[in-house]
């Protein structure tokens, strides 16, 4: 009788990735287009704290924050957005405004070990990759 090696991956088949308040997710794709940050621009990112019911991050020029509610089955509600009001180049503000308008339309999510997608219905609006800050 021959026995094969069992990979570690096989032992965590039922694991379901969940939000960790310490995780920072960097924006990579917005409305189907790869995001290219401008020279000197801070990267757009998001942190989601389900216990506190908050989202926060950097929107390319300013810091933002808001309320997050997990509705179950990959559905969510975002509300009460606010942020800082720093002066930045107009191009930074354009990207920031586009991001914030898109973020506010999101009503669902898919989370993996290293990826986060924010959805409107079944359509992926924003894609992120996990980073270490």
Protein backbone atom coordinates (compact mmCIF):
# COMPACT_ATOMS: atom_id res chain seq x y z
CA UNK A 1 0.00 0.00 0.00
CA UNK A 2 1.31 3.42 -0.96
CA UNK A 3 0.47 6.58 0.91
CA UNK A 4 0.87 10.00 -0.58
CA UNK A 5 1.83 13.24 1.03
CA UNK A 6 -1.01 15.43 2.11
CA UNK A 7 -0.42 19.12 1.67
CA UNK A 8 -1.15 21.63 4.41
CA UNK A 9 -3.58 23.24 1.99
CA UNK A 10 -5.80 20.14 2.20
CA UNK A 11 -6.15 20.53 5.95
CA UNK A 12 -7.68 24.03 5.72
CA UNK A 13 -10.28 23.44 3.03
CA UNK A 14 -13.08 24.74 5.22
CA UNK A 15 -11.22 27.87 6.31
CA UNK A 16 -13.09 31.05 5.38
CA UNK A 17 -11.08 34.26 5.20
CA UNK A 18 -12.45 36.99 7.41
CA UNK A 19 -11.69 40.64 7.99
CA UNK A 20 -8.87 41.40 10.40
CA UNK A 21 -8.85 44.97 11.71
CA UNK A 22 -5.04 45.06 11.31
CA UNK A 23 -5.13 44.26 7.58
CA UNK A 24 -4.50 47.11 5.15
CA UNK A 25 -5.73 46.60 1.60
CA UNK A 26 -4.19 48.61 -1.29
CA UNK A 27 -6.33 49.50 -4.30
CA UNK A 28 -5.19 47.76 -7.51
CA UNK A 29 -8.21 47.97 -9.86
CA UNK A 30 -11.03 50.53 -10.01
CA UNK A 31 -14.06 49.88 -12.25
CA UNK A 32 -12.14 47.34 -14.32
CA UNK A 33 -9.03 49.45 -14.88
CA UNK A 34 -5.66 48.94 -13.24
CA UNK A 35 -4.86 51.82 -10.91
CA UNK A 36 -1.67 53.75 -11.68
CA UNK A 37 -0.70 56.14 -8.91
CA UNK A 38 0.91 59.43 -9.85
CA UNK A 39 4.39 60.42 -8.71
CA UNK A 40 4.22 61.66 -5.12
CA UNK A 41 0.69 60.40 -4.60
CA UNK A 42 -0.08 58.25 -1.57
CA UNK A 43 -1.52 54.85 -2.38
CA UNK A 44 -5.26 54.43 -1.91
CA UNK A 45 -6.07 51.87 0.77
CA UNK A 46 -8.78 50.64 3.11
CA UNK A 47 -9.00 49.01 6.53
CA UNK A 48 -12.20 47.36 7.72
CA UNK A 49 -12.91 46.76 11.40
CA UNK A 50 -16.05 44.66 11.67
CA UNK A 51 -16.07 44.68 15.49
CA UNK A 52 -16.00 48.49 15.65
CA UNK A 53 -18.20 48.79 12.56
CA UNK A 54 -15.78 51.13 10.79
CA UNK A 55 -13.84 51.59 7.59
CA UNK A 56 -10.89 53.91 7.20
CA UNK A 57 -8.02 54.51 4.86
CA UNK A 58 -6.16 56.86 2.60
CA UNK A 59 -7.90 58.08 -0.55
CA UNK A 60 -4.84 59.34 -2.43
CA UNK A 61 -4.76 62.78 -0.85
CA UNK A 62 -6.83 62.62 2.32
CA UNK A 63 -7.65 60.14 5.06
CA UNK A 64 -11.26 58.97 5.14
CA UNK A 65 -13.47 57.04 7.53
CA UNK A 66 -17.01 55.78 7.71
CA UNK A 67 -19.36 53.17 9.08
CA UNK A 68 -19.34 49.51 8.00
CA UNK A 69 -22.09 46.99 8.63
CA UNK A 70 -21.72 43.34 7.62
CA UNK A 71 -25.17 42.15 6.50
CA UNK A 72 -24.05 38.54 6.02
CA UNK A 73 -23.58 36.44 2.88
CA UNK A 74 -21.05 38.91 1.45
CA UNK A 75 -23.41 41.89 1.71
CA UNK A 76 -22.51 45.12 3.49
CA UNK A 77 -23.67 48.66 4.07
CA UNK A 78 -21.29 51.64 4.09
CA UNK A 79 -22.35 55.04 5.43
CA UNK A 80 -21.38 58.18 7.33
CA UNK A 81 -18.33 59.01 5.21
CA UNK A 82 -16.05 61.82 6.29
CA UNK A 83 -12.41 62.76 5.89
CA UNK A 84 -9.62 65.26 6.09
CA UNK A 85 -9.45 68.18 3.64
CA UNK A 86 -5.81 68.47 2.60
CA UNK A 87 -4.62 70.49 -0.39
CA UNK A 88 -3.22 68.27 -3.13
CA UNK A 89 -2.62 68.51 -6.87
CA UNK A 90 -5.84 68.48 -8.93
CA UNK A 91 -4.98 65.09 -10.47
CA UNK A 92 -4.81 63.55 -6.97
CA UNK A 93 -8.22 65.02 -6.14
CA UNK A 94 -9.74 63.65 -9.35
CA UNK A 95 -8.60 60.11 -8.54
CA UNK A 96 -9.67 60.53 -4.91
CA UNK A 97 -13.15 61.75 -5.90
CA UNK A 98 -13.57 58.86 -8.33
CA UNK A 99 -12.53 56.36 -5.65
CA UNK A 100 -14.81 57.80 -2.97
CA UNK A 101 -17.82 57.94 -5.33
CA UNK A 102 -17.18 54.32 -6.34
CA UNK A 103 -16.66 53.16 -2.74
CA UNK A 104 -19.97 54.67 -1.67
CA UNK A 105 -21.80 52.57 -4.30
CA UNK A 106 -20.41 49.27 -2.97
CA UNK A 107 -22.89 46.96 -1.25
CA UNK A 108 -21.02 43.65 -1.13
CA UNK A 109 -17.61 42.06 -0.81
CA UNK A 110 -15.54 38.97 -1.55
CA UNK A 111 -12.51 38.40 0.62
CA UNK A 112 -9.64 36.02 0.06
CA UNK A 113 -6.42 35.50 1.93
CA UNK A 114 -4.64 38.25 -0.04
CA UNK A 115 -7.41 39.88 -2.10
CA UNK A 116 -10.51 41.94 -1.38
CA UNK A 117 -13.16 42.84 -3.93
CA UNK A 118 -15.88 45.38 -3.23
CA UNK A 119 -19.02 44.89 -5.29
CA UNK A 120 -22.18 46.59 -6.44
CA UNK A 121 -24.54 43.66 -6.86
CA UNK A 122 -22.42 41.04 -8.66
CA UNK A 123 -20.15 43.61 -10.36
CA UNK A 124 -16.64 44.14 -8.98
CA UNK A 125 -16.08 47.89 -8.59
CA UNK A 126 -12.87 47.92 -6.51
CA UNK A 127 -10.10 45.32 -6.12
CA UNK A 128 -7.47 45.43 -3.39
CA UNK A 129 -4.41 43.44 -2.37
CA UNK A 130 -3.37 42.93 1.24
CA UNK A 131 -0.28 44.92 2.23
CA UNK A 132 1.78 45.35 5.36
CA UNK A 133 2.12 48.89 6.70
